[in-house]
Every structure is written in C-alpha cells, then in structure tokens.
C-alpha cells in the first residue's frame, strides 16, 4: 500500500505519548491528520527509496556533477 502525503507544506509533526500516533499539521489545515506508527514507517521507507533512486546517478558517476 502506498501512502502519499498532501502537496501542502508540513508545519508541525509530533508523536503522541499516549497513543504513539504521529500527528501532522499542514499549512493548509484541511490536510491535518494522524498517522499510525505503521503508516509513518511506510512513508519513511518509501521516502528513503525515492531519495536513493534520485541520488543513484550522483553516486555511480559523480564526475557528471563536478
């Protein structure tokens, strides 16, 4: 399952001490919501994979960007 964050910039993220959920506040408040720890972990894994894919060219052949 792919979870996509809204296109609005994030204003604040905090983890609830009672329920362990992650609460997101966006600059556009209509997108405010809460993610479970499992959903947040999936978002983080997908983000790392996308970043690795974007930086692969630089790592494999850095002379193109020197």
N, C-alpha and C. Protein backbone atom coordinates (compact mmCIF):
# COMPACT_ATOMS: atom_id res chain seq x y z
N UNK A 1 0.84 -1.18 0.00
CA UNK A 1 0.00 0.00 0.00
C UNK A 1 0.88 1.24 0.00
N UNK A 2 0.60 2.19 -0.88
CA UNK A 2 1.35 3.42 -0.98
C UNK A 2 0.57 4.54 -0.31
N UNK A 3 1.23 5.25 0.60
CA UNK A 3 0.62 6.37 1.28
C UNK A 3 1.28 7.64 0.77
N UNK A 4 0.50 8.57 0.29
CA UNK A 4 1.05 9.81 -0.25
C UNK A 4 0.66 10.97 0.65
N UNK A 5 1.66 11.78 0.99
CA UNK A 5 1.38 12.97 1.78
C UNK A 5 0.76 14.04 0.89
N UNK A 6 -0.06 14.92 1.43
CA UNK A 6 -0.63 16.01 0.63
C UNK A 6 0.47 16.93 0.09
N UNK A 7 0.15 17.71 -0.91
CA UNK A 7 1.11 18.63 -1.53
C UNK A 7 1.32 19.90 -0.72
N UNK A 8 0.65 20.05 0.40
CA UNK A 8 0.79 21.21 1.27
C UNK A 8 2.04 21.04 2.15
N UNK A 9 2.81 22.11 2.38
CA UNK A 9 3.98 22.00 3.27
C UNK A 9 3.55 21.64 4.71
N UNK A 10 4.40 20.88 5.37
CA UNK A 10 4.12 20.46 6.74
C UNK A 10 4.56 21.57 7.69
N UNK A 11 3.70 21.92 8.61
CA UNK A 11 4.00 22.95 9.61
C UNK A 11 4.57 22.33 10.88
N UNK A 12 4.02 21.17 11.29
CA UNK A 12 4.44 20.56 12.55
C UNK A 12 4.13 19.07 12.53
N UNK A 13 5.06 18.26 13.08
CA UNK A 13 4.84 16.83 13.28
C UNK A 13 5.14 16.55 14.74
N UNK A 14 4.27 15.82 15.39
CA UNK A 14 4.60 15.40 16.74
C UNK A 14 4.02 14.03 17.01
N UNK A 15 4.70 13.30 17.89
CA UNK A 15 4.28 11.95 18.26
C UNK A 15 3.57 12.02 19.61
N UNK A 16 2.39 11.47 19.66
CA UNK A 16 1.59 11.45 20.88
C UNK A 16 2.18 10.44 21.86
N UNK A 17 2.37 10.88 23.09
CA UNK A 17 2.91 9.98 24.11
C UNK A 17 1.91 8.95 24.59
N UNK A 18 0.64 9.25 24.45
CA UNK A 18 -0.40 8.34 24.93
C UNK A 18 -0.74 7.25 23.91
N UNK A 19 -0.90 7.66 22.64
CA UNK A 19 -1.38 6.70 21.64
C UNK A 19 -0.30 6.28 20.65
N UNK A 20 0.89 6.89 20.68
CA UNK A 20 2.02 6.59 19.79
C UNK A 20 1.76 6.94 18.33
N UNK A 21 0.68 7.64 18.03
CA UNK A 21 0.40 8.07 16.66
C UNK A 21 1.17 9.35 16.34
N UNK A 22 1.36 9.60 15.05
CA UNK A 22 2.04 10.81 14.58
C UNK A 22 0.99 11.79 14.08
N UNK A 23 0.99 12.97 14.64
CA UNK A 23 0.02 13.99 14.29
C UNK A 23 0.69 15.01 13.36
N UNK A 24 0.10 15.25 12.22
CA UNK A 24 0.64 16.17 11.22
C UNK A 24 -0.24 17.41 11.14
N UNK A 25 0.39 18.56 11.21
CA UNK A 25 -0.28 19.84 10.99
C UNK A 25 0.33 20.43 9.72
N UNK A 26 -0.52 20.74 8.76
CA UNK A 26 -0.10 21.30 7.50
C UNK A 26 -0.43 22.79 7.45
N UNK A 27 0.22 23.52 6.54
CA UNK A 27 -0.11 24.94 6.40
C UNK A 27 -1.54 25.11 5.89
N UNK A 28 -2.03 24.15 5.15
CA UNK A 28 -3.44 24.13 4.76
C UNK A 28 -4.15 23.18 5.73
N UNK A 29 -4.86 23.69 6.73
CA UNK A 29 -5.41 22.84 7.79
C UNK A 29 -6.39 21.76 7.34
N UNK A 30 -6.89 21.85 6.13
CA UNK A 30 -7.81 20.79 5.68
C UNK A 30 -7.09 19.46 5.51
N UNK A 31 -5.74 19.47 5.46
CA UNK A 31 -4.96 18.23 5.30
C UNK A 31 -4.51 17.64 6.64
N UNK A 32 -4.73 18.33 7.75
CA UNK A 32 -4.29 17.84 9.06
C UNK A 32 -4.85 16.44 9.30
N UNK A 33 -3.97 15.55 9.77
CA UNK A 33 -4.42 14.20 10.07
C UNK A 33 -3.43 13.49 10.96
N UNK A 34 -3.76 12.28 11.36
CA UNK A 34 -2.93 11.45 12.22
C UNK A 34 -2.57 10.17 11.47
N UNK A 35 -1.31 9.76 11.60
CA UNK A 35 -0.84 8.51 11.00
C UNK A 35 -0.46 7.54 12.11
N UNK A 36 -0.76 6.27 11.91
CA UNK A 36 -0.34 5.24 12.86
C UNK A 36 1.17 5.03 12.70
N UNK A 37 1.82 4.42 13.69
CA UNK A 37 3.26 4.14 13.54
C UNK A 37 3.57 3.30 12.30
N UNK A 38 2.69 2.37 11.94
CA UNK A 38 2.92 1.54 10.75
C UNK A 38 2.84 2.38 9.47
N UNK A 39 1.86 3.29 9.40
CA UNK A 39 1.74 4.16 8.23
C UNK A 39 2.95 5.08 8.12
N UNK A 40 3.41 5.63 9.25
CA UNK A 40 4.56 6.53 9.23
C UNK A 40 5.82 5.80 8.81
N UNK A 41 6.00 4.57 9.27
CA UNK A 41 7.17 3.77 8.86
C UNK A 41 7.14 3.52 7.35
N UNK A 42 5.98 3.24 6.80
CA UNK A 42 5.84 3.03 5.35
C UNK A 42 6.19 4.31 4.58
N UNK A 43 5.73 5.46 5.08
CA UNK A 43 6.05 6.74 4.44
C UNK A 43 7.56 6.96 4.46
N UNK A 44 8.20 6.67 5.58
CA UNK A 44 9.65 6.86 5.70
C UNK A 44 10.42 5.92 4.77
N UNK A 45 10.01 4.67 4.68
CA UNK A 45 10.68 3.71 3.79
C UNK A 45 10.53 4.14 2.34
N UNK A 46 9.32 4.52 1.94
CA UNK A 46 9.09 4.98 0.56
C UNK A 46 9.93 6.22 0.26
N UNK A 47 10.04 7.13 1.22
CA UNK A 47 10.83 8.34 1.03
C UNK A 47 12.31 8.05 0.87
N UNK A 48 12.83 7.12 1.68
CA UNK A 48 14.24 6.74 1.55
C UNK A 48 14.51 6.09 0.21
N UNK A 49 13.61 5.22 -0.24
CA UNK A 49 13.77 4.57 -1.54
C UNK A 49 13.77 5.60 -2.67
N UNK A 50 12.88 6.59 -2.61
CA UNK A 50 12.82 7.63 -3.63
C UNK A 50 14.09 8.47 -3.62
N UNK A 51 14.59 8.80 -2.44
CA UNK A 51 15.82 9.58 -2.34
C UNK A 51 17.01 8.79 -2.87
N UNK A 52 17.11 7.51 -2.52
CA UNK A 52 18.19 6.67 -3.04
C UNK A 52 18.15 6.59 -4.56
N UNK A 53 16.95 6.46 -5.11
CA UNK A 53 16.80 6.38 -6.57
C UNK A 53 17.24 7.69 -7.21
N UNK A 54 16.87 8.83 -6.60
CA UNK A 54 17.24 10.13 -7.16
C UNK A 54 18.74 10.38 -7.09
N UNK A 55 19.39 9.87 -6.05
CA UNK A 55 20.82 10.12 -5.87
C UNK A 55 21.71 9.05 -6.47
N UNK A 56 21.12 7.99 -7.01
CA UNK A 56 21.90 6.88 -7.57
C UNK A 56 22.85 7.36 -8.67
N UNK A 57 22.40 8.23 -9.54
CA UNK A 57 23.24 8.72 -10.63
C UNK A 57 24.45 9.48 -10.10
N UNK A 58 24.26 10.27 -9.07
CA UNK A 58 25.37 11.02 -8.48
C UNK A 58 26.36 10.07 -7.83
N UNK A 59 25.89 9.06 -7.17
CA UNK A 59 26.78 8.10 -6.51
C UNK A 59 27.54 7.25 -7.52
N UNK A 60 26.87 6.86 -8.61
CA UNK A 60 27.51 5.99 -9.58
C UNK A 60 28.50 6.72 -10.48
N UNK A 61 28.24 7.97 -10.81
CA UNK A 61 29.11 8.71 -11.71
C UNK A 61 29.15 10.19 -11.30
N UNK A 62 29.88 10.50 -10.21
CA UNK A 62 29.86 11.87 -9.68
C UNK A 62 30.54 12.90 -10.59
N UNK A 63 31.34 12.45 -11.56
CA UNK A 63 32.04 13.41 -12.43
C UNK A 63 31.05 14.23 -13.28
N UNK A 64 29.84 13.73 -13.50
CA UNK A 64 28.85 14.47 -14.26
C UNK A 64 28.42 15.72 -13.53
N UNK A 65 28.59 15.74 -12.21
CA UNK A 65 28.12 16.86 -11.41
C UNK A 65 29.28 17.66 -10.80
N UNK A 66 30.52 17.38 -11.26
CA UNK A 66 31.70 18.05 -10.68
C UNK A 66 32.08 19.34 -11.34
